[in-house]
Amino acid sequence: MIRARETRASREVAPKATLYVWSDMFDSNHNARDRYYLVDGTFAGSWEGLPKDVVVVPWYFGQRDASLKWFADRGHRQVIAGYYDSRPERVRDWLASASNVEGVIGVMYTTWRQQYNEL
């Protein structure tokens, strides 16, 4: 699968680096599926071949329980990226969900609007 292949290529360039990937294109509960926008083909199965030492960064609040479990069951560590530009208080909901799975190693603030006043 192309997404996992790109991740492996990054490993070749920096073999000792810890790699982090956004979750959506590897998550069957999110964008890793058939009929994703105008893609000619599918992203279903993109998670196959994703090395277990790659840290996954889930960000889709609406599917957080399913996504956290999906990657925990696949053996990945995770850093929560509490979906960009929402209320910072939502991190409590993320942490409640994370308490039900193994391997969540951190949380990060994520913004696409250069909105740093919430830090």
N, C-alpha and C. Protein backbone atom coordinates (compact mmCIF):
# COMPACT_ATOMS: atom_id res chain seq x y z
N MET A 1 0.83 -1.18 0.00
CA MET A 1 0.00 0.00 0.00
C MET A 1 0.88 1.25 0.00
N ILE A 2 0.46 2.24 -0.71
CA ILE A 2 1.30 3.42 -0.94
C ILE A 2 1.62 4.18 0.36
N ARG A 3 0.65 4.37 1.23
CA ARG A 3 0.91 5.15 2.44
C ARG A 3 1.95 4.45 3.32
N ALA A 4 1.82 3.15 3.50
CA ALA A 4 2.80 2.42 4.29
C ALA A 4 4.16 2.43 3.60
N ARG A 5 4.18 2.38 2.28
CA ARG A 5 5.43 2.41 1.53
C ARG A 5 6.15 3.75 1.75
N GLU A 6 5.40 4.84 1.77
CA GLU A 6 6.00 6.16 2.03
C GLU A 6 6.62 6.21 3.42
N THR A 7 5.94 5.60 4.37
CA THR A 7 6.45 5.58 5.73
C THR A 7 7.74 4.77 5.81
N ARG A 8 7.78 3.63 5.13
CA ARG A 8 9.01 2.82 5.11
C ARG A 8 10.15 3.59 4.43
N ALA A 9 9.85 4.34 3.38
CA ALA A 9 10.88 5.14 2.71
C ALA A 9 11.45 6.19 3.66
N SER A 10 10.61 6.78 4.49
CA SER A 10 11.08 7.76 5.48
C SER A 10 12.02 7.09 6.46
N ARG A 11 11.73 5.86 6.82
CA ARG A 11 12.57 5.10 7.75
C ARG A 11 13.97 4.89 7.14
N GLU A 12 14.03 4.67 5.85
CA GLU A 12 15.32 4.48 5.19
C GLU A 12 16.17 5.75 5.26
N VAL A 13 15.54 6.90 5.17
CA VAL A 13 16.26 8.18 5.22
C VAL A 13 16.74 8.48 6.63
N ALA A 14 15.93 8.16 7.62
CA ALA A 14 16.25 8.46 9.02
C ALA A 14 15.96 7.23 9.88
N PRO A 15 16.83 6.22 9.83
CA PRO A 15 16.53 4.94 10.47
C PRO A 15 16.36 4.99 11.99
N LYS A 16 16.93 5.98 12.65
CA LYS A 16 16.82 6.05 14.11
C LYS A 16 15.71 6.98 14.58
N ALA A 17 15.07 7.67 13.66
CA ALA A 17 14.02 8.63 14.03
C ALA A 17 12.74 7.91 14.42
N THR A 18 12.01 8.50 15.34
CA THR A 18 10.66 8.03 15.63
C THR A 18 9.74 8.69 14.61
N LEU A 19 9.00 7.89 13.87
CA LEU A 19 8.10 8.43 12.87
C LEU A 19 6.70 8.57 13.44
N TYR A 20 6.04 9.66 13.08
CA TYR A 20 4.67 9.94 13.48
C TYR A 20 3.85 10.13 12.21
N VAL A 21 2.64 9.59 12.19
CA VAL A 21 1.75 9.79 11.03
C VAL A 21 0.38 10.23 11.51
N TRP A 22 -0.25 11.13 10.75
CA TRP A 22 -1.65 11.44 11.00
C TRP A 22 -2.45 10.16 10.79
N SER A 23 -3.46 9.99 11.57
CA SER A 23 -4.22 8.73 11.58
C SER A 23 -5.13 8.53 10.39
N ASP A 24 -5.66 9.59 9.83
CA ASP A 24 -6.83 9.46 8.96
C ASP A 24 -6.65 8.55 7.76
N MET A 25 -5.51 8.56 7.13
CA MET A 25 -5.33 7.76 5.92
C MET A 25 -4.97 6.30 6.21
N PHE A 26 -4.83 5.95 7.50
CA PHE A 26 -4.57 4.58 7.92
C PHE A 26 -5.70 4.02 8.77
N ASP A 27 -6.77 4.76 8.94
CA ASP A 27 -7.84 4.42 9.88
C ASP A 27 -9.10 4.01 9.14
N SER A 28 -9.52 2.77 9.33
CA SER A 28 -10.74 2.29 8.67
C SER A 28 -11.99 3.01 9.17
N ASN A 29 -11.89 3.69 10.30
CA ASN A 29 -13.00 4.47 10.84
C ASN A 29 -13.01 5.91 10.33
N HIS A 30 -12.05 6.22 9.47
CA HIS A 30 -11.90 7.60 9.01
C HIS A 30 -11.78 7.60 7.49
N ASN A 31 -10.63 7.93 6.94
CA ASN A 31 -10.50 8.08 5.48
C ASN A 31 -9.90 6.88 4.77
N ALA A 32 -9.44 5.88 5.49
CA ALA A 32 -8.84 4.70 4.85
C ALA A 32 -9.95 3.75 4.43
N ARG A 33 -10.55 4.07 3.30
CA ARG A 33 -11.73 3.33 2.85
C ARG A 33 -11.88 3.46 1.34
N ASP A 34 -12.87 2.78 0.82
CA ASP A 34 -13.23 2.92 -0.58
C ASP A 34 -13.91 4.27 -0.80
N ARG A 35 -13.90 4.71 -2.03
CA ARG A 35 -14.62 5.93 -2.44
C ARG A 35 -14.26 7.15 -1.58
N TYR A 36 -12.98 7.37 -1.40
CA TYR A 36 -12.54 8.56 -0.68
C TYR A 36 -12.41 9.71 -1.67
N TYR A 37 -13.31 10.64 -1.59
CA TYR A 37 -13.37 11.79 -2.50
C TYR A 37 -13.22 11.35 -3.95
N LEU A 38 -12.29 11.91 -4.68
CA LEU A 38 -12.13 11.61 -6.10
C LEU A 38 -10.95 10.67 -6.37
N VAL A 39 -10.52 9.94 -5.37
CA VAL A 39 -9.39 9.04 -5.52
C VAL A 39 -9.75 7.91 -6.47
N ASP A 40 -8.86 7.65 -7.41
CA ASP A 40 -9.04 6.53 -8.34
C ASP A 40 -8.44 5.30 -7.67
N GLY A 41 -9.27 4.55 -6.99
CA GLY A 41 -8.81 3.40 -6.23
C GLY A 41 -9.35 3.46 -4.82
N THR A 42 -8.60 2.90 -3.90
CA THR A 42 -9.06 2.81 -2.52
C THR A 42 -7.91 3.05 -1.55
N PHE A 43 -8.26 3.51 -0.37
CA PHE A 43 -7.30 3.57 0.73
C PHE A 43 -7.55 2.46 1.74
N ALA A 44 -8.55 1.62 1.49
CA ALA A 44 -8.80 0.47 2.36
C ALA A 44 -7.56 -0.41 2.34
N GLY A 45 -7.12 -0.84 3.49
CA GLY A 45 -5.93 -1.67 3.61
C GLY A 45 -4.63 -0.89 3.68
N SER A 46 -4.71 0.44 3.67
CA SER A 46 -3.49 1.26 3.71
C SER A 46 -2.67 1.00 4.97
N TRP A 47 -3.32 0.53 6.01
CA TRP A 47 -2.66 0.25 7.29
C TRP A 47 -1.78 -0.99 7.21
N GLU A 48 -2.00 -1.86 6.23
CA GLU A 48 -1.19 -3.06 6.10
C GLU A 48 0.25 -2.65 5.78
N GLY A 49 1.17 -3.17 6.50
CA GLY A 49 2.56 -2.83 6.27
C GLY A 49 3.04 -1.61 7.03
N LEU A 50 2.14 -0.91 7.73
CA LEU A 50 2.57 0.22 8.56
C LEU A 50 3.31 -0.34 9.77
N PRO A 51 4.60 -0.08 9.89
CA PRO A 51 5.37 -0.67 10.98
C PRO A 51 4.78 -0.30 12.35
N LYS A 52 4.82 -1.26 13.27
CA LYS A 52 4.23 -1.05 14.59
C LYS A 52 4.98 0.01 15.40
N ASP A 53 6.23 0.31 15.03
CA ASP A 53 6.96 1.33 15.78
C ASP A 53 6.64 2.75 15.32
N VAL A 54 5.81 2.89 14.31
CA VAL A 54 5.35 4.21 13.88
C VAL A 54 4.27 4.67 14.84
N VAL A 55 4.42 5.88 15.38
CA VAL A 55 3.44 6.43 16.31
C VAL A 55 2.33 7.08 15.49
N VAL A 56 1.10 6.72 15.82
CA VAL A 56 -0.07 7.23 15.10
C VAL A 56 -0.65 8.41 15.87
N VAL A 57 -1.07 9.44 15.13
CA VAL A 57 -1.61 10.66 15.74
C VAL A 57 -3.08 10.81 15.32
N PRO A 58 -4.01 10.26 16.13
CA PRO A 58 -5.43 10.39 15.80
C PRO A 58 -5.95 11.79 16.11
N TRP A 59 -6.88 12.25 15.25
CA TRP A 59 -7.39 13.62 15.43
C TRP A 59 -8.90 13.75 15.22
N TYR A 60 -9.57 12.69 14.86
CA TYR A 60 -11.00 12.76 14.54
C TYR A 60 -11.83 12.53 15.81
N PHE A 61 -12.30 13.61 16.40
CA PHE A 61 -13.02 13.55 17.67
C PHE A 61 -14.24 12.64 17.60
N GLY A 62 -14.99 12.72 16.53
CA GLY A 62 -16.24 11.96 16.42
C GLY A 62 -16.06 10.46 16.42
N GLN A 63 -14.89 9.98 16.06
CA GLN A 63 -14.62 8.54 16.05
C GLN A 63 -13.47 8.17 16.99
N ARG A 64 -13.25 8.98 18.01
CA ARG A 64 -12.08 8.78 18.86
C ARG A 64 -12.05 7.42 19.54
N ASP A 65 -13.18 6.94 20.05
CA ASP A 65 -13.18 5.63 20.72
C ASP A 65 -12.78 4.53 19.75
N ALA A 66 -13.41 4.51 18.59
CA ALA A 66 -13.13 3.47 17.59
C ALA A 66 -11.70 3.59 17.07
N SER A 67 -11.26 4.81 16.81
CA SER A 67 -9.92 5.00 16.25
C SER A 67 -8.83 4.64 17.25
N LEU A 68 -8.97 5.08 18.48
CA LEU A 68 -7.97 4.74 19.50
C LEU A 68 -7.86 3.23 19.66
N LYS A 69 -9.00 2.55 19.71
CA LYS A 69 -9.00 1.09 19.83
C LYS A 69 -8.39 0.44 18.60
N TRP A 70 -8.75 0.94 17.42
CA TRP A 70 -8.24 0.39 16.16
C TRP A 70 -6.71 0.34 16.16
N PHE A 71 -6.08 1.46 16.51
CA PHE A 71 -4.62 1.50 16.47
C PHE A 71 -3.99 0.79 17.67
N ALA A 72 -4.62 0.86 18.83
CA ALA A 72 -4.11 0.12 19.99
C ALA A 72 -4.12 -1.38 19.70
N ASP A 73 -5.20 -1.87 19.12
CA ASP A 73 -5.30 -3.30 18.78
C ASP A 73 -4.27 -3.71 17.74
N ARG A 74 -3.81 -2.77 16.94
CA ARG A 74 -2.79 -3.06 15.92
C ARG A 74 -1.37 -2.89 16.50
N GLY A 75 -1.27 -2.50 17.77
CA GLY A 75 0.03 -2.42 18.43
C GLY A 75 0.76 -1.10 18.30
N HIS A 76 0.07 -0.06 17.87
CA HIS A 76 0.72 1.25 17.70
C HIS A 76 0.61 2.09 18.97
N ARG A 77 1.68 2.81 19.28
CA ARG A 77 1.59 3.87 20.28
C ARG A 77 0.89 5.04 19.61
N GLN A 78 0.28 5.91 20.43
CA GLN A 78 -0.49 7.02 19.87
C GLN A 78 -0.25 8.30 20.66
N VAL A 79 -0.30 9.41 19.93
CA VAL A 79 -0.30 10.75 20.52
C VAL A 79 -1.57 11.42 20.03
N ILE A 80 -2.43 11.80 20.94
CA ILE A 80 -3.71 12.42 20.60
C ILE A 80 -3.47 13.84 20.09
N ALA A 81 -4.12 14.16 18.97
CA ALA A 81 -4.01 15.51 18.40
C ALA A 81 -5.38 16.16 18.40
N GLY A 82 -6.07 16.06 19.50
CA GLY A 82 -7.40 16.63 19.68
C GLY A 82 -7.86 17.60 18.61
N TYR A 83 -8.41 17.07 17.57
CA TYR A 83 -8.85 17.75 16.34
C TYR A 83 -8.68 19.26 16.37
N TYR A 84 -8.03 19.72 15.39
CA TYR A 84 -7.60 21.11 15.30
C TYR A 84 -8.71 22.14 15.52
N ASP A 85 -8.35 23.18 16.20
CA ASP A 85 -9.16 24.39 16.35
C ASP A 85 -10.52 24.16 17.00
N SER A 86 -10.57 23.22 17.91
CA SER A 86 -11.79 23.07 18.71
C SER A 86 -11.46 23.49 20.15
N ARG A 87 -12.45 23.45 20.99
CA ARG A 87 -12.25 23.85 22.38
C ARG A 87 -11.16 23.00 23.04
N PRO A 88 -10.18 23.61 23.69
CA PRO A 88 -9.14 22.84 24.36
C PRO A 88 -9.69 21.90 25.43
N GLU A 89 -10.84 22.23 26.00
CA GLU A 89 -11.45 21.40 27.03
C GLU A 89 -11.80 20.01 26.52
N ARG A 90 -11.92 19.86 25.20
CA ARG A 90 -12.25 18.55 24.63
C ARG A 90 -11.18 17.51 24.93
N VAL A 91 -10.00 17.95 25.31
CA VAL A 91 -8.94 16.99 25.62
C VAL A 91 -9.39 16.07 26.76
N ARG A 92 -10.25 16.54 27.64
CA ARG A 92 -10.76 15.67 28.71
C ARG A 92 -11.52 14.48 28.13
N ASP A 93 -12.31 14.72 27.09
CA ASP A 93 -13.03 13.63 26.44
C ASP A 93 -12.07 12.67 25.77
N TRP A 94 -11.04 13.21 25.13
CA TRP A 94 -10.02 12.35 24.53
C TRP A 94 -9.34 11.49 25.59
N LEU A 95 -8.98 12.10 26.71
CA LEU A 95 -8.30 11.35 27.77
C LEU A 95 -9.19 10.28 28.37
N ALA A 96 -10.48 10.57 28.49
CA ALA A 96 -11.41 9.54 28.97
C ALA A 96 -11.43 8.36 28.01
N SER A 97 -11.46 8.63 26.72
CA SER A 97 -11.43 7.56 25.73
C SER A 97 -10.10 6.82 25.77
N ALA A 98 -9.02 7.55 25.93
CA ALA A 98 -7.69 6.95 25.96
C ALA A 98 -7.49 6.03 27.16
N SER A 99 -8.23 6.28 28.23
CA SER A 99 -8.09 5.44 29.42
C SER A 99 -8.55 4.01 29.17
N ASN A 100 -9.23 3.77 28.07
CA ASN A 100 -9.73 2.43 27.76
C ASN A 100 -8.80 1.62 26.86
N VAL A 101 -7.68 2.20 26.46
CA VAL A 101 -6.75 1.50 25.56
C VAL A 101 -5.31 1.65 26.07
N GLU A 102 -4.44 0.80 25.57
CA GLU A 102 -3.02 0.86 25.90
C GLU A 102 -2.27 1.67 24.85
N GLY A 103 -1.19 2.29 25.27
CA GLY A 103 -0.25 2.86 24.32
C GLY A 103 -0.43 4.32 23.94
N VAL A 104 -1.32 5.04 24.61
CA VAL A 104 -1.42 6.48 24.35
C VAL A 104 -0.32 7.15 25.17
N ILE A 105 0.62 7.78 24.47
CA ILE A 105 1.81 8.29 25.15
C ILE A 105 1.85 9.81 25.27
N GLY A 106 0.83 10.49 24.73
CA GLY A 106 0.84 11.94 24.84
C GLY A 106 -0.33 12.59 24.15
N VAL A 107 -0.37 13.90 24.32
CA VAL A 107 -1.40 14.74 23.71
C VAL A 107 -0.68 15.96 23.15
N MET A 108 -1.14 16.45 22.01
CA MET A 108 -0.56 17.67 21.47
C MET A 108 -1.65 18.63 21.04
N TYR A 109 -1.34 19.90 21.10
CA TYR A 109 -2.25 20.94 20.63
C TYR A 109 -2.07 21.05 19.13
N THR A 110 -3.16 21.05 18.39
CA THR A 110 -3.10 21.08 16.94
C THR A 110 -3.94 22.23 16.41
N THR A 111 -3.36 23.06 15.56
CA THR A 111 -4.11 24.16 14.95
C THR A 111 -3.75 24.29 13.48
N TRP A 112 -4.72 24.64 12.68
CA TRP A 112 -4.51 24.94 11.27
C TRP A 112 -4.75 26.42 11.01
N ARG A 113 -5.08 27.15 12.04
CA ARG A 113 -5.41 28.58 11.89
C ARG A 113 -4.41 29.49 12.57
N GLN A 114 -3.29 28.98 13.00
CA GLN A 114 -2.32 29.76 13.76
C GLN A 114 -2.99 30.40 14.98
N GLN A 115 -3.79 29.61 15.64
CA GLN A 115 -4.56 30.06 16.80
C GLN A 115 -3.85 29.59 18.07
N TYR A 116 -2.88 30.35 18.51
CA TYR A 116 -2.05 29.93 19.63
C TYR A 116 -2.48 30.55 20.96
N ASN A 117 -3.54 31.31 20.96
CA ASN A 117 -4.00 31.94 22.20
C ASN A 117 -4.60 30.93 23.17
N GLU A 118 -4.88 29.71 22.71
CA GLU A 118 -5.45 28.69 23.59
C GLU A 118 -4.38 27.90 24.34
N LEU A 119 -3.11 28.13 24.00
CA LEU A 119 -2.03 27.38 24.66
C LEU A 119 -1.87 27.79 26.10
